[in-house]
Amino acid sequence: MSSATRTILVTGFEPFGGETVNASWEAARKLDGWRGGFNAVARLLPCAYDASVNELVRAIEDLRPEAVLMTGQAARRSVVCVERFARNLDDAAVPDNLGALRRAVAISRGAPERLEAAAPVDAIAQAIRAAGIPARVSRSAGGFVCNHLYYGALQYLRDMGRPARAVFVHLPASPGQTPTAASARRLTTADAAKALKAAAAAMLDVRAQAA
């Protein structure tokens, strides 16, 4: 496959928890149409358990991407987190945007307790740091919609035999947001987009371009 036809799907979430913006979508949409040695396509996902997975699967079926870079907002975190695992567990104290409240509920019965990223998480975190953005590898994607989407995506790609690389990246809140218990350290949308470009390039093993 030539670099001109290689596609990476980048997703972000709609606002939740009373916020008017979501840091993940503000960053992800900056990559839409970006050609960094490949074609990036951004898609907005609902902050709802099953609906998010359904929308992602539709986008994968439509685009047939070589890589899938999922992003979410983790306001309590102070650095970009590249998630190594998705857990087979929904467990959150707040409902999703459709009102679903899930406490200690398995995502998929009879499926593995956790699934590992289908992408080189250490190299991705290193690439983000090399771009000047603090980043680390995380072993917990939480218990809310972000983790649910991640598990659903990895399970779908595995079960369908799709070769796409896939990873989830959590971004800190952006300046101006006021989520509950947020870290004082924020990440501007410009820097978040820069981090995602570095991650995308690492996933497809190309040199990141600033354009």
C-alpha atoms as a PDB file:
ATOM      1  CA  MET A   1       0.000   0.000   0.000  1.00  0.00           C
ATOM      2  CA  SER A   2       1.494   3.370  -0.987  1.00  0.00           C
ATOM      3  CA  SER A   3       1.846   6.195   1.520  1.00  0.00           C
ATOM      4  CA  ALA A   4      -0.671   8.239  -0.507  1.00  0.00           C
ATOM      5  CA  THR A   5      -3.412   5.739   0.248  1.00  0.00           C
ATOM      6  CA  ARG A   6      -2.549   4.863   3.855  1.00  0.00           C
ATOM      7  CA  THR A   7      -5.261   6.050   6.228  1.00  0.00           C
ATOM      8  CA  ILE A   8      -5.321   6.538   9.967  1.00  0.00           C
ATOM      9  CA  LEU A   9      -8.654   7.016  11.722  1.00  0.00           C
ATOM     10  CA  VAL A  10      -8.449   9.475  14.639  1.00  0.00           C
ATOM     11  CA  THR A  11     -11.378   9.712  17.034  1.00  0.00           C
ATOM     12  CA  GLY A  12     -12.400  12.041  19.838  1.00  0.00           C
ATOM     13  CA  PHE A  13     -15.441  12.293  22.107  1.00  0.00           C
ATOM     14  CA  GLU A  14     -18.249  14.787  22.377  1.00  0.00           C
ATOM     15  CA  PRO A  15     -18.420  16.872  25.605  1.00  0.00           C
ATOM     16  CA  PHE A  16     -19.731  15.250  28.777  1.00  0.00           C
ATOM     17  CA  GLY A  17     -20.209  16.078  32.437  1.00  0.00           C
ATOM     18  CA  GLY A  18     -21.665  19.523  31.743  1.00  0.00           C
ATOM     19  CA  GLU A  19     -18.663  20.677  29.702  1.00  0.00           C
ATOM     20  CA  THR A  20     -19.129  22.495  26.406  1.00  0.00           C
ATOM     21  CA  VAL A  21     -15.961  21.052  24.824  1.00  0.00           C
ATOM     22  CA  ASN A  22     -13.987  17.834  25.068  1.00  0.00           C
ATOM     23  CA  ALA A  23     -10.204  18.127  24.873  1.00  0.00           C
ATOM     24  CA  SER A  24      -9.970  14.920  22.854  1.00  0.00           C
ATOM     25  CA  TRP A  25     -12.179  16.103  20.006  1.00  0.00           C
ATOM     26  CA  GLU A  26     -10.672  19.579  19.952  1.00  0.00           C
ATOM     27  CA  ALA A  27      -7.294  17.937  19.315  1.00  0.00           C
ATOM     28  CA  ALA A  28      -8.453  15.073  17.092  1.00  0.00           C
ATOM     29  CA  ARG A  29     -10.304  17.301  14.645  1.00  0.00           C
ATOM     30  CA  LYS A  30      -7.090  19.291  14.060  1.00  0.00           C
ATOM     31  CA  LEU A  31      -5.741  16.174  12.324  1.00  0.00           C
ATOM     32  CA  ASP A  32      -8.627  15.783   9.900  1.00  0.00           C
ATOM     33  CA  GLY A  33      -7.194  15.960   6.386  1.00  0.00           C
ATOM     34  CA  TRP A  34      -3.613  16.065   7.669  1.00  0.00           C
ATOM     35  CA  ARG A  35      -1.160  14.314   5.395  1.00  0.00           C
ATOM     36  CA  GLY A  36       1.875  13.378   7.441  1.00  0.00           C
ATOM     37  CA  GLY A  37       3.030  10.642   5.099  1.00  0.00           C
ATOM     38  CA  PHE A  38      -0.524   9.244   5.224  1.00  0.00           C
ATOM     39  CA  ASN A  39      -4.090  10.526   5.287  1.00  0.00           C
ATOM     40  CA  ALA A  40      -5.684  11.287   8.653  1.00  0.00           C
ATOM     41  CA  VAL A  41      -9.468  11.221   9.017  1.00  0.00           C
ATOM     42  CA  ALA A  42     -11.097  12.446  12.237  1.00  0.00           C
ATOM     43  CA  ARG A  43     -14.437  11.257  13.566  1.00  0.00           C
ATOM     44  CA  LEU A  44     -16.475  12.523  16.523  1.00  0.00           C
ATOM     45  CA  LEU A  45     -17.893   9.782  18.759  1.00  0.00           C
ATOM     46  CA  PRO A  46     -20.764   9.955  21.242  1.00  0.00           C
ATOM     47  CA  CYS A  47     -19.849   9.719  24.908  1.00  0.00           C
ATOM     48  CA  ALA A  48     -22.041   6.653  25.326  1.00  0.00           C
ATOM     49  CA  TYR A  49     -20.999   3.070  25.921  1.00  0.00           C
ATOM     50  CA  ASP A  50     -22.430   1.012  23.088  1.00  0.00           C
ATOM     51  CA  ALA A  51     -23.104   3.873  20.690  1.00  0.00           C
ATOM     52  CA  SER A  52     -19.408   4.839  20.672  1.00  0.00           C
ATOM     53  CA  VAL A  53     -18.346   1.339  19.621  1.00  0.00           C
ATOM     54  CA  ASN A  54     -21.059   1.168  16.962  1.00  0.00           C
ATOM     55  CA  GLU A  55     -19.960   4.488  15.466  1.00  0.00           C
ATOM     56  CA  LEU A  56     -16.311   3.431  15.490  1.00  0.00           C
ATOM     57  CA  VAL A  57     -17.063   0.130  13.769  1.00  0.00           C
ATOM     58  CA  ARG A  58     -19.017   1.968  11.068  1.00  0.00           C
ATOM     59  CA  ALA A  59     -16.069   4.299  10.509  1.00  0.00           C
ATOM     60  CA  ILE A  60     -13.633   1.376  10.284  1.00  0.00           C
ATOM     61  CA  GLU A  61     -15.871  -0.438   7.822  1.00  0.00           C
ATOM     62  CA  ASP A  62     -16.174   2.712   5.732  1.00  0.00           C
ATOM     63  CA  LEU A  63     -12.530   3.821   5.755  1.00  0.00           C
ATOM     64  CA  ARG A  64     -10.648   0.517   6.150  1.00  0.00           C
ATOM     65  CA  PRO A  65      -7.820   2.371   7.958  1.00  0.00           C
ATOM     66  CA  GLU A  66      -4.349   0.993   8.470  1.00  0.00           C
ATOM     67  CA  ALA A  67      -4.362   2.396  12.004  1.00  0.00           C
ATOM     68  CA  VAL A  68      -6.894   3.603  14.562  1.00  0.00           C
ATOM     69  CA  LEU A  69      -5.912   6.288  17.067  1.00  0.00           C
ATOM     70  CA  MET A  70      -8.643   6.707  19.682  1.00  0.00           C
ATOM     71  CA  THR A  71      -8.479   9.644  22.073  1.00  0.00           C
ATOM     72  CA  GLY A  72     -10.291  10.674  25.212  1.00  0.00           C
ATOM     73  CA  GLN A  73     -10.126  13.290  27.938  1.00  0.00           C
ATOM     74  CA  ALA A  74      -8.719  12.372  31.350  1.00  0.00           C
ATOM     75  CA  ALA A  75      -8.973  15.622  33.288  1.00  0.00           C
ATOM     76  CA  ARG A  76      -7.310  14.279  36.426  1.00  0.00           C
ATOM     77  CA  ARG A  77      -4.161  13.334  34.533  1.00  0.00           C
ATOM     78  CA  SER A  78      -1.376  15.825  33.993  1.00  0.00           C
ATOM     79  CA  VAL A  79       0.398  14.218  31.019  1.00  0.00           C
ATOM     80  CA  VAL A  80      -0.577  12.420  27.832  1.00  0.00           C
ATOM     81  CA  CYS A  81      -1.203   8.736  28.605  1.00  0.00           C
ATOM     82  CA  VAL A  82      -0.804   5.985  26.029  1.00  0.00           C
ATOM     83  CA  GLU A  83      -2.963   3.094  27.197  1.00  0.00           C
ATOM     84  CA  ARG A  84      -1.404  -0.376  27.113  1.00  0.00           C
ATOM     85  CA  PHE A  85      -4.542  -2.294  28.122  1.00  0.00           C
ATOM     86  CA  ALA A  86      -8.318  -2.197  27.850  1.00  0.00           C
ATOM     87  CA  ARG A  87     -10.187  -3.985  30.656  1.00  0.00           C
ATOM     88  CA  ASN A  88     -13.310  -6.057  30.200  1.00  0.00           C
ATOM     89  CA  LEU A  89     -15.153  -3.949  32.750  1.00  0.00           C
ATOM     90  CA  ASP A  90     -17.517  -0.972  32.836  1.00  0.00           C
ATOM     91  CA  ASP A  91     -17.334   0.616  36.269  1.00  0.00           C
ATOM     92  CA  ALA A  92     -18.084   4.321  36.643  1.00  0.00           C
ATOM     93  CA  ALA A  93     -19.825   6.499  39.201  1.00  0.00           C
ATOM     94  CA  VAL A  94     -21.460   8.723  36.584  1.00  0.00           C
ATOM     95  CA  PRO A  95     -23.778   7.928  33.657  1.00  0.00           C
ATOM     96  CA  ASP A  96     -22.830   8.305  30.014  1.00  0.00           C
ATOM     97  CA  ASN A  97     -24.516  10.903  27.820  1.00  0.00           C
ATOM     98  CA  LEU A  98     -27.464   8.572  27.213  1.00  0.00           C
ATOM     99  CA  GLY A  99     -28.016   8.064  30.920  1.00  0.00           C
ATOM    100  CA  ALA A 100     -26.516   4.576  31.212  1.00  0.00           C
ATOM    101  CA  LEU A 101     -24.892   3.959  34.606  1.00  0.00           C
ATOM    102  CA  ARG A 102     -22.716   0.865  34.772  1.00  0.00           C
ATOM    103  CA  ARG A 103     -21.090  -0.406  37.950  1.00  0.00           C
ATOM    104  CA  ALA A 104     -18.869  -3.498  37.819  1.00  0.00           C
ATOM    105  CA  VAL A 105     -20.403  -4.835  34.601  1.00  0.00           C
ATOM    106  CA  ALA A 106     -18.456  -7.030  32.167  1.00  0.00           C
ATOM    107  CA  ILE A 107     -18.242  -5.575  28.674  1.00  0.00           C
ATOM    108  CA  SER A 108     -18.178  -8.958  26.944  1.00  0.00           C
ATOM    109  CA  ARG A 109     -19.082 -12.217  28.668  1.00  0.00           C
ATOM    110  CA  GLY A 110     -16.596 -15.037  28.225  1.00  0.00           C
ATOM    111  CA  ALA A 111     -14.006 -12.677  26.728  1.00  0.00           C
ATOM    112  CA  PRO A 112     -10.499 -12.027  28.096  1.00  0.00           C
ATOM    113  CA  GLU A 113     -10.155  -9.928  31.260  1.00  0.00           C
ATOM    114  CA  ARG A 114      -8.084  -7.449  29.301  1.00  0.00           C
ATOM    115  CA  LEU A 115      -6.825  -6.864  25.778  1.00  0.00           C
ATOM    116  CA  GLU A 116      -3.494  -5.291  24.903  1.00  0.00           C
ATOM    117  CA  ALA A 117      -2.946  -2.427  22.469  1.00  0.00           C
ATOM    118  CA  ALA A 118      -2.430  -3.443  18.867  1.00  0.00           C
ATOM    119  CA  ALA A 119       0.302  -0.848  18.498  1.00  0.00           C
ATOM    120  CA  PRO A 120       3.782  -0.134  19.971  1.00  0.00           C
ATOM    121  CA  VAL A 121       2.818   1.856  23.059  1.00  0.00           C
ATOM    122  CA  ASP A 122       6.371   2.473  24.264  1.00  0.00           C
ATOM    123  CA  ALA A 123       7.440   3.840  20.882  1.00  0.00           C
ATOM    124  CA  ILE A 124       4.319   6.009  20.719  1.00  0.00           C
ATOM    125  CA  ALA A 125       4.951   7.515  24.157  1.00  0.00           C
ATOM    126  CA  GLN A 126       8.589   8.115  23.233  1.00  0.00           C
ATOM    127  CA  ALA A 127       7.581   9.840  20.000  1.00  0.00           C
ATOM    128  CA  ILE A 128       5.246  12.159  21.885  1.00  0.00           C
ATOM    129  CA  ARG A 129       7.988  13.036  24.360  1.00  0.00           C
ATOM    130  CA  ALA A 130      10.396  13.621  21.476  1.00  0.00           C
ATOM    131  CA  ALA A 131       7.885  16.155  20.145  1.00  0.00           C
ATOM    132  CA  GLY A 132       8.234  18.046  23.428  1.00  0.00           C
ATOM    133  CA  ILE A 133       5.009  16.887  25.083  1.00  0.00           C
ATOM    134  CA  PRO A 134       5.119  15.028  28.440  1.00  0.00           C
ATOM    135  CA  ALA A 135       3.794  11.496  28.010  1.00  0.00           C
ATOM    136  CA  ARG A 136       3.862   8.086  29.658  1.00  0.00           C
ATOM    137  CA  VAL A 137       2.507   4.587  29.145  1.00  0.00           C
ATOM    138  CA  SER A 138      -0.535   3.847  31.319  1.00  0.00           C
ATOM    139  CA  ARG A 139      -1.848   0.441  32.378  1.00  0.00           C
ATOM    140  CA  SER A 140      -5.410   1.574  33.144  1.00  0.00           C
ATOM    141  CA  ALA A 141      -7.831   3.247  30.746  1.00  0.00           C
ATOM    142  CA  GLY A 142     -10.366   3.659  33.565  1.00  0.00           C
ATOM    143  CA  GLY A 143     -13.872   2.229  33.728  1.00  0.00           C
ATOM    144  CA  PHE A 144     -15.921   4.706  31.721  1.00  0.00           C
ATOM    145  CA  VAL A 145     -16.697   5.109  28.013  1.00  0.00           C
ATOM    146  CA  CYS A 146     -13.030   5.502  26.996  1.00  0.00           C
ATOM    147  CA  ASN A 147     -12.132   2.042  28.249  1.00  0.00           C
ATOM    148  CA  HIS A 148     -15.376   0.585  26.885  1.00  0.00           C
ATOM    149  CA  LEU A 149     -14.603   1.934  23.413  1.00  0.00           C
ATOM    150  CA  TYR A 150     -11.024   0.694  23.589  1.00  0.00           C
ATOM    151  CA  TYR A 151     -12.042  -2.824  24.583  1.00  0.00           C
ATOM    152  CA  GLY A 152     -14.764  -2.925  21.959  1.00  0.00           C
ATOM    153  CA  ALA A 153     -12.385  -1.735  19.252  1.00  0.00           C
ATOM    154  CA  LEU A 154      -9.645  -4.227  20.094  1.00  0.00           C
ATOM    155  CA  GLN A 155     -12.156  -7.070  20.346  1.00  0.00           C
ATOM    156  CA  TYR A 156     -13.751  -6.156  17.012  1.00  0.00           C
ATOM    157  CA  LEU A 157     -10.417  -5.896  15.195  1.00  0.00           C
ATOM    158  CA  ARG A 158      -9.273  -9.202  16.690  1.00  0.00           C
ATOM    159  CA  ASP A 159     -12.482 -11.069  15.952  1.00  0.00           C
ATOM    160  CA  MET A 160     -12.733  -9.746  12.400  1.00  0.00           C
ATOM    161  CA  GLY A 161      -9.085 -10.456  11.660  1.00  0.00           C
ATOM    162  CA  ARG A 162      -8.419  -6.840  10.735  1.00  0.00           C
ATOM    163  CA  PRO A 163      -4.708  -5.954  10.652  1.00  0.00           C
ATOM    164  CA  ALA A 164      -5.180  -2.330  11.725  1.00  0.00           C
ATOM    165  CA  ARG A 165      -2.967  -1.042  14.494  1.00  0.00           C
ATOM    166  CA  ALA A 166      -5.014   0.449  17.316  1.00  0.00           C
ATOM    167  CA  VAL A 167      -4.306   2.356  20.511  1.00  0.00           C
ATOM    168  CA  PHE A 168      -6.073   4.688  22.921  1.00  0.00           C
ATOM    169  CA  VAL A 169      -4.503   7.946  24.116  1.00  0.00           C
ATOM    170  CA  HIS A 170      -5.804   9.967  27.045  1.00  0.00           C
ATOM    171  CA  LEU A 171      -5.288  13.729  26.967  1.00  0.00           C
ATOM    172  CA  PRO A 172      -5.331  16.148  29.930  1.00  0.00           C
ATOM    173  CA  ALA A 173      -8.005  18.832  30.010  1.00  0.00           C
ATOM    174  CA  SER A 174      -7.337  21.988  28.027  1.00  0.00           C
ATOM    175  CA  PRO A 175      -6.992  25.457  29.545  1.00  0.00           C
ATOM    176  CA  GLY A 176     -10.346  27.083  30.177  1.00  0.00           C
ATOM    177  CA  GLN A 177     -12.147  23.861  30.960  1.00  0.00           C
ATOM    178  CA  THR A 178     -13.595  23.383  34.431  1.00  0.00           C
ATOM    179  CA  PRO A 179     -14.088  19.624  34.956  1.00  0.00           C
ATOM    180  CA  THR A 180     -14.399  18.354  38.524  1.00  0.00           C
ATOM    181  CA  ALA A 181     -11.132  17.418  40.251  1.00  0.00           C
ATOM    182  CA  ALA A 182      -9.069  18.304  37.193  1.00  0.00           C
ATOM    183  CA  SER A 183      -5.294  18.457  37.373  1.00  0.00           C
ATOM    184  CA  ALA A 184      -3.850  21.945  37.538  1.00  0.00           C
ATOM    185  CA  ARG A 185      -1.560  20.991  34.656  1.00  0.00           C
ATOM    186  CA  ARG A 186      -3.348  21.456  31.342  1.00  0.00           C
ATOM    187  CA  LEU A 187      -2.468  20.855  27.707  1.00  0.00           C
ATOM    188  CA  THR A 188      -3.301  23.346  24.989  1.00  0.00           C
ATOM    189  CA  THR A 189      -5.190  22.097  21.966  1.00  0.00           C
ATOM    190  CA  ALA A 190      -2.204  22.931  19.772  1.00  0.00           C
ATOM    191  CA  ASP A 191       0.118  20.809  21.902  1.00  0.00           C
ATOM    192  CA  ALA A 192      -2.448  18.012  22.154  1.00  0.00           C
ATOM    193  CA  ALA A 193      -2.727  17.929  18.364  1.00  0.00           C
ATOM    194  CA  LYS A 194       1.068  17.912  18.147  1.00  0.00           C
ATOM    195  CA  ALA A 195       1.119  14.895  20.463  1.00  0.00           C
ATOM    196  CA  LEU A 196      -1.449  13.087  18.323  1.00  0.00           C
ATOM    197  CA  LYS A 197       0.524  13.764  15.147  1.00  0.00           C
ATOM    198  CA  ALA A 198       3.604  12.262  16.784  1.00  0.00           C
ATOM    199  CA  ALA A 199       1.557   9.261  17.914  1.00  0.00           C
ATOM    200  CA  ALA A 200       0.088   8.765  14.439  1.00  0.00           C
ATOM    201  CA  ALA A 201       3.502   8.907  12.809  1.00  0.00           C
ATOM    202  CA  ALA A 202       4.877   6.375  15.292  1.00  0.00           C
ATOM    203  CA  MET A 203       1.953   4.034  14.660  1.00  0.00           C
ATOM    204  CA  LEU A 204       2.616   4.063  10.922  1.00  0.00           C
ATOM    205  CA  ASP A 205       6.393   4.252  11.286  1.00  0.00           C
ATOM    206  CA  VAL A 206       6.888   7.436   9.299  1.00  0.00           C
ATOM    207  CA  ARG A 207       8.582  10.711  10.092  1.00  0.00           C
ATOM    208  CA  ALA A 208       6.080  13.217  11.507  1.00  0.00           C
ATOM    209  CA  GLN A 209       5.550  16.322   9.401  1.00  0.00           C
ATOM    210  CA  ALA A 210       4.380  19.652  10.790  1.00  0.00           C
ATOM    211  CA  ALA A 211       1.997  20.513   7.951  1.00  0.00           C
END
